[in-house]
N, C-alpha and C. Protein backbone atom coordinates (compact mmCIF):
# COMPACT_ATOMS: atom_id res chain seq x y z
N MET A 1 25.66 26.12 -17.29
CA MET A 1 24.87 24.97 -16.92
C MET A 1 23.39 25.30 -17.13
N SER A 2 22.67 24.38 -17.73
CA SER A 2 21.26 24.65 -18.01
C SER A 2 20.39 24.29 -16.81
N ASN A 3 19.26 24.91 -16.75
CA ASN A 3 18.30 24.70 -15.68
C ASN A 3 17.57 23.38 -15.92
N PRO A 4 17.59 22.44 -14.96
CA PRO A 4 16.92 21.16 -15.17
C PRO A 4 15.40 21.28 -15.22
N PHE A 5 14.85 22.44 -14.86
CA PHE A 5 13.41 22.62 -14.88
C PHE A 5 12.93 23.37 -16.11
N ASP A 6 13.81 23.65 -17.06
CA ASP A 6 13.41 24.35 -18.27
C ASP A 6 12.28 23.62 -19.00
N ASP A 7 12.36 22.31 -19.04
CA ASP A 7 11.33 21.55 -19.74
C ASP A 7 9.97 21.69 -19.06
N LEU A 8 9.94 21.91 -17.75
CA LEU A 8 8.68 22.11 -17.05
C LEU A 8 8.04 23.43 -17.44
N GLU A 9 8.86 24.46 -17.57
CA GLU A 9 8.33 25.75 -17.96
C GLU A 9 7.69 25.69 -19.33
N SER A 10 8.33 25.02 -20.26
CA SER A 10 7.75 24.94 -21.60
C SER A 10 6.49 24.11 -21.59
N ASP A 11 6.43 23.05 -20.79
CA ASP A 11 5.21 22.26 -20.69
C ASP A 11 4.09 23.09 -20.08
N ASP A 12 4.40 23.86 -19.04
CA ASP A 12 3.40 24.71 -18.41
C ASP A 12 2.86 25.71 -19.41
N ASP A 13 3.76 26.34 -20.17
CA ASP A 13 3.34 27.33 -21.14
C ASP A 13 2.41 26.72 -22.17
N ASP A 14 2.72 25.51 -22.63
CA ASP A 14 1.86 24.84 -23.59
C ASP A 14 0.49 24.58 -23.00
N ASP A 15 0.45 24.11 -21.75
CA ASP A 15 -0.83 23.81 -21.11
C ASP A 15 -1.64 25.08 -20.92
N ARG A 16 -0.99 26.14 -20.47
CA ARG A 16 -1.71 27.39 -20.26
C ARG A 16 -2.25 27.92 -21.58
N THR A 17 -1.45 27.82 -22.61
CA THR A 17 -1.89 28.32 -23.90
C THR A 17 -3.13 27.56 -24.36
N GLU A 18 -3.14 26.25 -24.19
CA GLU A 18 -4.31 25.46 -24.56
C GLU A 18 -5.51 25.87 -23.73
N ASP A 19 -5.32 25.99 -22.41
CA ASP A 19 -6.42 26.36 -21.54
C ASP A 19 -6.94 27.74 -21.89
N GLU A 20 -6.01 28.69 -22.07
CA GLU A 20 -6.42 30.04 -22.40
C GLU A 20 -7.12 30.08 -23.74
N THR A 21 -6.62 29.32 -24.69
CA THR A 21 -7.24 29.27 -26.00
C THR A 21 -8.64 28.69 -25.90
N ASP A 22 -8.79 27.61 -25.15
CA ASP A 22 -10.10 27.00 -24.98
C ASP A 22 -11.07 27.98 -24.33
N GLU A 23 -10.61 28.68 -23.28
CA GLU A 23 -11.47 29.63 -22.60
C GLU A 23 -11.85 30.77 -23.53
N GLY A 24 -10.87 31.24 -24.29
CA GLY A 24 -11.14 32.32 -25.23
C GLY A 24 -12.13 31.90 -26.29
N GLU A 25 -12.00 30.69 -26.79
CA GLU A 25 -12.93 30.20 -27.80
C GLU A 25 -14.33 30.04 -27.22
N ARG A 26 -14.41 29.56 -25.98
CA ARG A 26 -15.71 29.37 -25.36
C ARG A 26 -16.41 30.71 -25.16
N SER A 27 -15.68 31.68 -24.65
CA SER A 27 -16.31 32.95 -24.33
C SER A 27 -16.61 33.76 -25.58
N SER A 28 -15.81 33.64 -26.64
CA SER A 28 -16.05 34.42 -27.83
C SER A 28 -16.95 33.72 -28.82
N SER A 29 -17.24 32.46 -28.58
CA SER A 29 -18.07 31.69 -29.49
C SER A 29 -19.51 32.14 -29.40
N PRO A 30 -20.16 32.40 -30.53
CA PRO A 30 -21.57 32.80 -30.48
C PRO A 30 -22.47 31.66 -30.03
N ASN A 31 -21.98 30.43 -30.11
CA ASN A 31 -22.77 29.27 -29.71
C ASN A 31 -22.48 28.84 -28.28
N ALA A 32 -21.87 29.69 -27.48
CA ALA A 32 -21.44 29.31 -26.14
C ALA A 32 -22.61 28.90 -25.25
N THR A 33 -23.81 29.42 -25.52
CA THR A 33 -24.95 29.07 -24.68
C THR A 33 -25.73 27.88 -25.22
N GLU A 34 -25.41 27.39 -26.38
CA GLU A 34 -26.15 26.27 -26.95
C GLU A 34 -26.13 25.02 -26.08
N PRO A 35 -25.00 24.62 -25.49
CA PRO A 35 -25.03 23.40 -24.67
C PRO A 35 -26.05 23.49 -23.54
N ASP A 36 -26.20 24.68 -22.93
CA ASP A 36 -27.18 24.83 -21.87
C ASP A 36 -28.59 24.62 -22.40
N VAL A 37 -28.86 25.17 -23.57
CA VAL A 37 -30.17 25.02 -24.17
C VAL A 37 -30.43 23.55 -24.48
N MET A 38 -29.42 22.88 -25.01
CA MET A 38 -29.56 21.47 -25.35
C MET A 38 -29.81 20.62 -24.10
N GLN A 39 -29.18 20.97 -23.02
CA GLN A 39 -29.35 20.20 -21.80
C GLN A 39 -30.74 20.40 -21.21
N GLU A 40 -31.31 21.58 -21.38
CA GLU A 40 -32.62 21.85 -20.82
C GLU A 40 -33.72 21.18 -21.62
N ALA A 41 -33.54 21.02 -22.91
CA ALA A 41 -34.59 20.49 -23.77
C ALA A 41 -35.06 19.10 -23.35
N PRO A 42 -34.17 18.11 -23.13
CA PRO A 42 -34.65 16.79 -22.73
C PRO A 42 -35.37 16.82 -21.38
N ALA A 43 -34.94 17.66 -20.48
CA ALA A 43 -35.56 17.71 -19.16
C ALA A 43 -36.99 18.22 -19.23
N SER A 44 -37.31 19.07 -20.24
CA SER A 44 -38.64 19.63 -20.33
C SER A 44 -39.58 18.75 -21.14
N SER A 45 -39.12 17.64 -21.64
CA SER A 45 -39.95 16.73 -22.42
C SER A 45 -40.89 15.97 -21.50
N PRO A 46 -42.22 16.16 -21.64
CA PRO A 46 -43.15 15.50 -20.72
C PRO A 46 -43.18 13.98 -20.89
N ASN A 47 -42.98 13.47 -22.09
CA ASN A 47 -43.04 12.03 -22.32
C ASN A 47 -41.92 11.30 -21.60
N ARG A 48 -40.73 11.84 -21.63
CA ARG A 48 -39.58 11.19 -20.99
C ARG A 48 -39.76 11.13 -19.49
N GLN A 49 -40.20 12.22 -18.89
CA GLN A 49 -40.33 12.25 -17.44
C GLN A 49 -41.46 11.35 -16.96
N SER A 50 -42.54 11.29 -17.70
CA SER A 50 -43.66 10.48 -17.24
C SER A 50 -43.31 9.00 -17.28
N ARG A 51 -42.49 8.58 -18.24
CA ARG A 51 -42.10 7.17 -18.31
C ARG A 51 -41.07 6.82 -17.24
N SER A 52 -40.14 7.72 -16.98
CA SER A 52 -39.04 7.40 -16.08
C SER A 52 -39.47 7.40 -14.62
N GLY A 53 -40.39 8.25 -14.25
CA GLY A 53 -40.86 8.28 -12.87
C GLY A 53 -39.83 8.88 -11.94
N THR A 54 -40.09 8.80 -10.64
CA THR A 54 -39.23 9.39 -9.63
C THR A 54 -37.86 8.74 -9.58
N ALA A 55 -37.79 7.43 -9.68
CA ALA A 55 -36.50 6.73 -9.62
C ALA A 55 -35.60 7.16 -10.76
N GLY A 56 -36.16 7.33 -11.95
CA GLY A 56 -35.37 7.76 -13.10
C GLY A 56 -34.84 9.17 -12.91
N GLU A 57 -35.67 10.03 -12.33
CA GLU A 57 -35.23 11.40 -12.09
C GLU A 57 -34.09 11.44 -11.09
N GLN A 58 -34.16 10.60 -10.04
CA GLN A 58 -33.10 10.57 -9.05
C GLN A 58 -31.81 10.05 -9.64
N ARG A 59 -31.89 9.02 -10.50
CA ARG A 59 -30.69 8.46 -11.12
C ARG A 59 -30.02 9.48 -12.02
N SER A 60 -30.81 10.27 -12.74
CA SER A 60 -30.21 11.23 -13.66
C SER A 60 -29.55 12.39 -12.92
N ARG A 61 -29.91 12.61 -11.67
CA ARG A 61 -29.33 13.70 -10.89
C ARG A 61 -28.03 13.31 -10.21
N GLU A 62 -27.75 12.01 -10.07
CA GLU A 62 -26.52 11.57 -9.43
C GLU A 62 -25.34 11.94 -10.32
N PRO A 63 -24.34 12.61 -9.77
CA PRO A 63 -23.19 12.98 -10.60
C PRO A 63 -22.36 11.76 -10.98
N THR A 64 -21.92 11.74 -12.20
CA THR A 64 -21.03 10.69 -12.68
C THR A 64 -19.61 11.25 -12.67
N PRO A 65 -18.60 10.40 -12.78
CA PRO A 65 -17.23 10.92 -12.85
C PRO A 65 -17.06 11.90 -14.01
N ALA A 66 -17.79 11.69 -15.09
CA ALA A 66 -17.68 12.59 -16.23
C ALA A 66 -18.25 13.96 -15.91
N ASP A 67 -19.30 14.02 -15.08
CA ASP A 67 -19.93 15.28 -14.73
C ASP A 67 -19.12 16.07 -13.71
N SER A 68 -18.38 15.38 -12.87
CA SER A 68 -17.73 16.04 -11.75
C SER A 68 -16.47 16.80 -12.13
N GLY A 69 -15.88 16.52 -13.26
CA GLY A 69 -14.65 17.19 -13.66
C GLY A 69 -13.45 16.59 -12.95
N PRO A 70 -12.31 17.27 -13.02
CA PRO A 70 -11.09 16.74 -12.41
C PRO A 70 -11.27 16.45 -10.92
N ALA A 71 -10.53 15.45 -10.45
CA ALA A 71 -10.65 15.02 -9.06
C ALA A 71 -10.17 16.09 -8.08
N PHE A 72 -9.31 16.98 -8.53
CA PHE A 72 -8.79 18.03 -7.66
C PHE A 72 -8.38 19.22 -8.53
N GLU A 73 -8.34 20.37 -7.92
CA GLU A 73 -8.02 21.61 -8.62
C GLU A 73 -6.52 21.72 -8.87
N TYR A 74 -6.17 22.45 -9.89
CA TYR A 74 -4.77 22.66 -10.22
C TYR A 74 -4.05 23.38 -9.08
N SER A 75 -4.75 24.22 -8.34
CA SER A 75 -4.13 24.98 -7.26
C SER A 75 -3.61 24.08 -6.13
N THR A 76 -4.07 22.85 -6.06
CA THR A 76 -3.61 21.93 -5.01
C THR A 76 -2.39 21.12 -5.43
N VAL A 77 -1.94 21.32 -6.64
CA VAL A 77 -0.84 20.54 -7.21
C VAL A 77 0.50 21.05 -6.71
N ARG A 78 1.40 20.12 -6.43
CA ARG A 78 2.80 20.45 -6.17
C ARG A 78 3.58 19.82 -7.31
N GLN A 79 4.08 20.66 -8.17
CA GLN A 79 4.76 20.16 -9.36
C GLN A 79 6.21 19.83 -9.06
N ARG A 80 6.60 18.62 -9.45
CA ARG A 80 7.97 18.15 -9.29
C ARG A 80 8.38 17.45 -10.57
N PRO A 81 9.64 17.51 -10.90
CA PRO A 81 10.08 16.82 -12.12
C PRO A 81 10.16 15.32 -11.88
N LEU A 82 9.84 14.58 -12.91
CA LEU A 82 10.05 13.13 -12.91
C LEU A 82 11.08 12.85 -13.98
N TYR A 83 12.09 12.12 -13.64
CA TYR A 83 13.16 11.81 -14.58
C TYR A 83 13.05 10.35 -14.98
N ALA A 84 12.89 10.13 -16.26
CA ALA A 84 12.80 8.76 -16.78
C ALA A 84 13.43 8.71 -18.15
N ARG A 85 13.80 7.52 -18.55
CA ARG A 85 14.38 7.33 -19.88
C ARG A 85 13.32 7.59 -20.95
N SER A 86 13.78 7.96 -22.13
CA SER A 86 12.86 8.24 -23.24
C SER A 86 11.96 7.06 -23.53
N GLU A 87 12.54 5.86 -23.54
CA GLU A 87 11.73 4.67 -23.85
C GLU A 87 10.66 4.44 -22.79
N THR A 88 10.95 4.79 -21.54
CA THR A 88 9.95 4.63 -20.48
C THR A 88 8.81 5.61 -20.67
N TRP A 89 9.14 6.87 -20.99
CA TRP A 89 8.10 7.87 -21.27
C TRP A 89 7.26 7.44 -22.46
N ASP A 90 7.92 6.95 -23.51
CA ASP A 90 7.19 6.51 -24.71
C ASP A 90 6.23 5.37 -24.37
N ASP A 91 6.70 4.40 -23.58
CA ASP A 91 5.84 3.29 -23.17
C ASP A 91 4.66 3.79 -22.33
N PHE A 92 4.94 4.71 -21.42
CA PHE A 92 3.88 5.26 -20.58
C PHE A 92 2.85 5.99 -21.42
N GLU A 93 3.30 6.84 -22.33
CA GLU A 93 2.37 7.59 -23.17
C GLU A 93 1.56 6.67 -24.08
N LYS A 94 2.18 5.60 -24.57
CA LYS A 94 1.46 4.64 -25.40
C LYS A 94 0.40 3.92 -24.57
N THR A 95 0.76 3.51 -23.37
CA THR A 95 -0.20 2.85 -22.48
C THR A 95 -1.33 3.80 -22.11
N LEU A 96 -0.99 5.05 -21.90
CA LEU A 96 -2.00 6.05 -21.60
C LEU A 96 -3.01 6.15 -22.74
N ARG A 97 -2.50 6.22 -23.97
CA ARG A 97 -3.37 6.34 -25.15
C ARG A 97 -4.18 5.08 -25.42
N THR A 98 -3.55 3.92 -25.25
CA THR A 98 -4.19 2.67 -25.68
C THR A 98 -4.97 1.94 -24.59
N SER A 99 -4.68 2.22 -23.33
CA SER A 99 -5.36 1.49 -22.25
C SER A 99 -6.06 2.40 -21.24
N ILE A 100 -5.33 3.35 -20.70
CA ILE A 100 -5.88 4.17 -19.62
C ILE A 100 -6.99 5.08 -20.12
N THR A 101 -6.72 5.85 -21.17
CA THR A 101 -7.72 6.77 -21.70
C THR A 101 -8.97 6.03 -22.18
N PRO A 102 -8.84 4.92 -22.93
CA PRO A 102 -10.05 4.19 -23.32
C PRO A 102 -10.84 3.65 -22.12
N SER A 103 -10.15 3.22 -21.07
CA SER A 103 -10.85 2.75 -19.87
C SER A 103 -11.64 3.88 -19.23
N LEU A 104 -11.06 5.07 -19.20
CA LEU A 104 -11.77 6.22 -18.66
C LEU A 104 -12.95 6.60 -19.56
N ALA A 105 -12.75 6.51 -20.87
CA ALA A 105 -13.82 6.85 -21.82
C ALA A 105 -15.02 5.92 -21.67
N LYS A 106 -14.77 4.66 -21.33
CA LYS A 106 -15.88 3.72 -21.10
C LYS A 106 -16.76 4.18 -19.95
N GLU A 107 -16.17 4.94 -19.04
CA GLU A 107 -16.92 5.49 -17.90
C GLU A 107 -17.35 6.93 -18.18
N ASP A 108 -17.31 7.33 -19.45
CA ASP A 108 -17.71 8.67 -19.91
C ASP A 108 -16.80 9.78 -19.42
N VAL A 109 -15.58 9.45 -19.04
CA VAL A 109 -14.61 10.48 -18.67
C VAL A 109 -13.72 10.70 -19.89
N VAL A 110 -13.96 11.81 -20.56
CA VAL A 110 -13.18 12.12 -21.77
C VAL A 110 -12.36 13.39 -21.59
N ASP A 111 -12.42 13.98 -20.41
CA ASP A 111 -11.69 15.22 -20.15
C ASP A 111 -10.66 15.05 -19.04
N GLU A 112 -10.04 13.86 -19.00
CA GLU A 112 -9.06 13.62 -17.94
C GLU A 112 -7.91 14.62 -18.05
N GLU A 113 -7.42 14.99 -16.92
CA GLU A 113 -6.31 15.94 -16.85
C GLU A 113 -5.01 15.17 -16.60
N THR A 114 -3.93 15.66 -17.15
CA THR A 114 -2.63 15.03 -16.95
C THR A 114 -2.30 14.93 -15.47
N ARG A 115 -2.65 15.95 -14.70
CA ARG A 115 -2.37 15.94 -13.27
C ARG A 115 -3.08 14.78 -12.58
N GLU A 116 -4.27 14.41 -13.05
CA GLU A 116 -4.98 13.28 -12.45
C GLU A 116 -4.26 11.97 -12.74
N ILE A 117 -3.77 11.83 -13.96
CA ILE A 117 -3.05 10.61 -14.34
C ILE A 117 -1.76 10.50 -13.53
N HIS A 118 -1.00 11.59 -13.46
CA HIS A 118 0.26 11.57 -12.71
C HIS A 118 0.00 11.29 -11.23
N ASP A 119 -1.05 11.88 -10.69
CA ASP A 119 -1.38 11.64 -9.28
C ASP A 119 -1.71 10.17 -9.05
N ALA A 120 -2.46 9.57 -9.97
CA ALA A 120 -2.80 8.15 -9.84
C ALA A 120 -1.56 7.27 -9.93
N VAL A 121 -0.64 7.62 -10.83
CA VAL A 121 0.61 6.84 -10.96
C VAL A 121 1.41 6.91 -9.67
N LEU A 122 1.52 8.10 -9.09
CA LEU A 122 2.27 8.24 -7.84
C LEU A 122 1.58 7.53 -6.68
N ARG A 123 0.24 7.57 -6.65
CA ARG A 123 -0.48 6.84 -5.59
C ARG A 123 -0.28 5.34 -5.74
N LEU A 124 -0.25 4.86 -6.99
CA LEU A 124 0.00 3.44 -7.23
C LEU A 124 1.40 3.07 -6.74
N ALA A 125 2.39 3.89 -7.06
CA ALA A 125 3.76 3.63 -6.61
C ALA A 125 3.85 3.65 -5.08
N ALA A 126 3.15 4.57 -4.45
CA ALA A 126 3.17 4.66 -2.99
C ALA A 126 2.47 3.47 -2.34
N SER A 127 1.49 2.92 -3.02
CA SER A 127 0.78 1.78 -2.44
C SER A 127 1.49 0.45 -2.68
N GLU A 128 2.44 0.43 -3.62
CA GLU A 128 3.19 -0.80 -3.91
C GLU A 128 4.69 -0.53 -3.92
N PRO A 129 5.25 -0.11 -2.77
CA PRO A 129 6.67 0.24 -2.73
C PRO A 129 7.60 -0.94 -3.03
N GLU A 130 7.18 -2.13 -2.64
CA GLU A 130 8.03 -3.31 -2.92
C GLU A 130 8.16 -3.53 -4.42
N ARG A 131 7.08 -3.32 -5.14
CA ARG A 131 7.10 -3.49 -6.60
C ARG A 131 8.00 -2.43 -7.23
N VAL A 132 7.95 -1.21 -6.74
CA VAL A 132 8.81 -0.15 -7.26
C VAL A 132 10.27 -0.51 -7.02
N ALA A 133 10.60 -0.96 -5.82
CA ALA A 133 11.98 -1.35 -5.51
C ALA A 133 12.43 -2.50 -6.41
N LYS A 134 11.54 -3.45 -6.64
CA LYS A 134 11.87 -4.58 -7.50
C LYS A 134 12.17 -4.11 -8.93
N LEU A 135 11.40 -3.17 -9.44
CA LEU A 135 11.64 -2.64 -10.79
C LEU A 135 12.97 -1.90 -10.88
N VAL A 136 13.32 -1.16 -9.83
CA VAL A 136 14.61 -0.46 -9.81
C VAL A 136 15.75 -1.47 -9.82
N LEU A 137 15.63 -2.50 -9.00
CA LEU A 137 16.67 -3.54 -8.95
C LEU A 137 16.79 -4.28 -10.28
N GLU A 138 15.66 -4.60 -10.90
CA GLU A 138 15.70 -5.27 -12.21
C GLU A 138 16.41 -4.41 -13.25
N ALA A 139 16.13 -3.12 -13.25
CA ALA A 139 16.77 -2.22 -14.22
C ALA A 139 18.27 -2.15 -13.98
N ARG A 140 18.68 -2.12 -12.73
CA ARG A 140 20.12 -2.08 -12.42
C ARG A 140 20.81 -3.36 -12.85
N ARG A 141 20.17 -4.48 -12.63
CA ARG A 141 20.77 -5.77 -13.02
C ARG A 141 20.89 -5.89 -14.54
N GLN A 142 19.93 -5.35 -15.26
CA GLN A 142 19.97 -5.40 -16.73
C GLN A 142 21.08 -4.54 -17.29
N SER A 143 21.42 -3.46 -16.60
CA SER A 143 22.45 -2.56 -17.11
C SER A 143 23.86 -3.07 -16.82
N GLU A 144 24.00 -4.10 -16.00
CA GLU A 144 25.33 -4.63 -15.65
C GLU A 144 25.90 -5.47 -16.75
């Protein structure tokens, strides 16, 4: 009998490999300090600061969702398998690519984590239990 969590291990390995690869590229890249230099340059421009004034400086210091990073750390995650039909996963992934990710990008969030998306989906389901029950019942009626 095969382990039902085998697919989770392979997904974890893929994610870790990407993260480790990204970290390795960042640390070994000779240009790793360039973003810091680029960020400091506009702040030292006297013309920009004199026009913007105090209110502009305060607005630029407020963190945006894009600046803050993921809503929670990976260490706080409790990983559980979700079982769904292939067509449901395909629909979810398509919606993620075509609607959710672009909506986040409009708010300058381009580094969303899968854990954030899954957490939001589960919070939505928890906030609308009647809708979840209705969807389960609809699926059962369709299969009859």
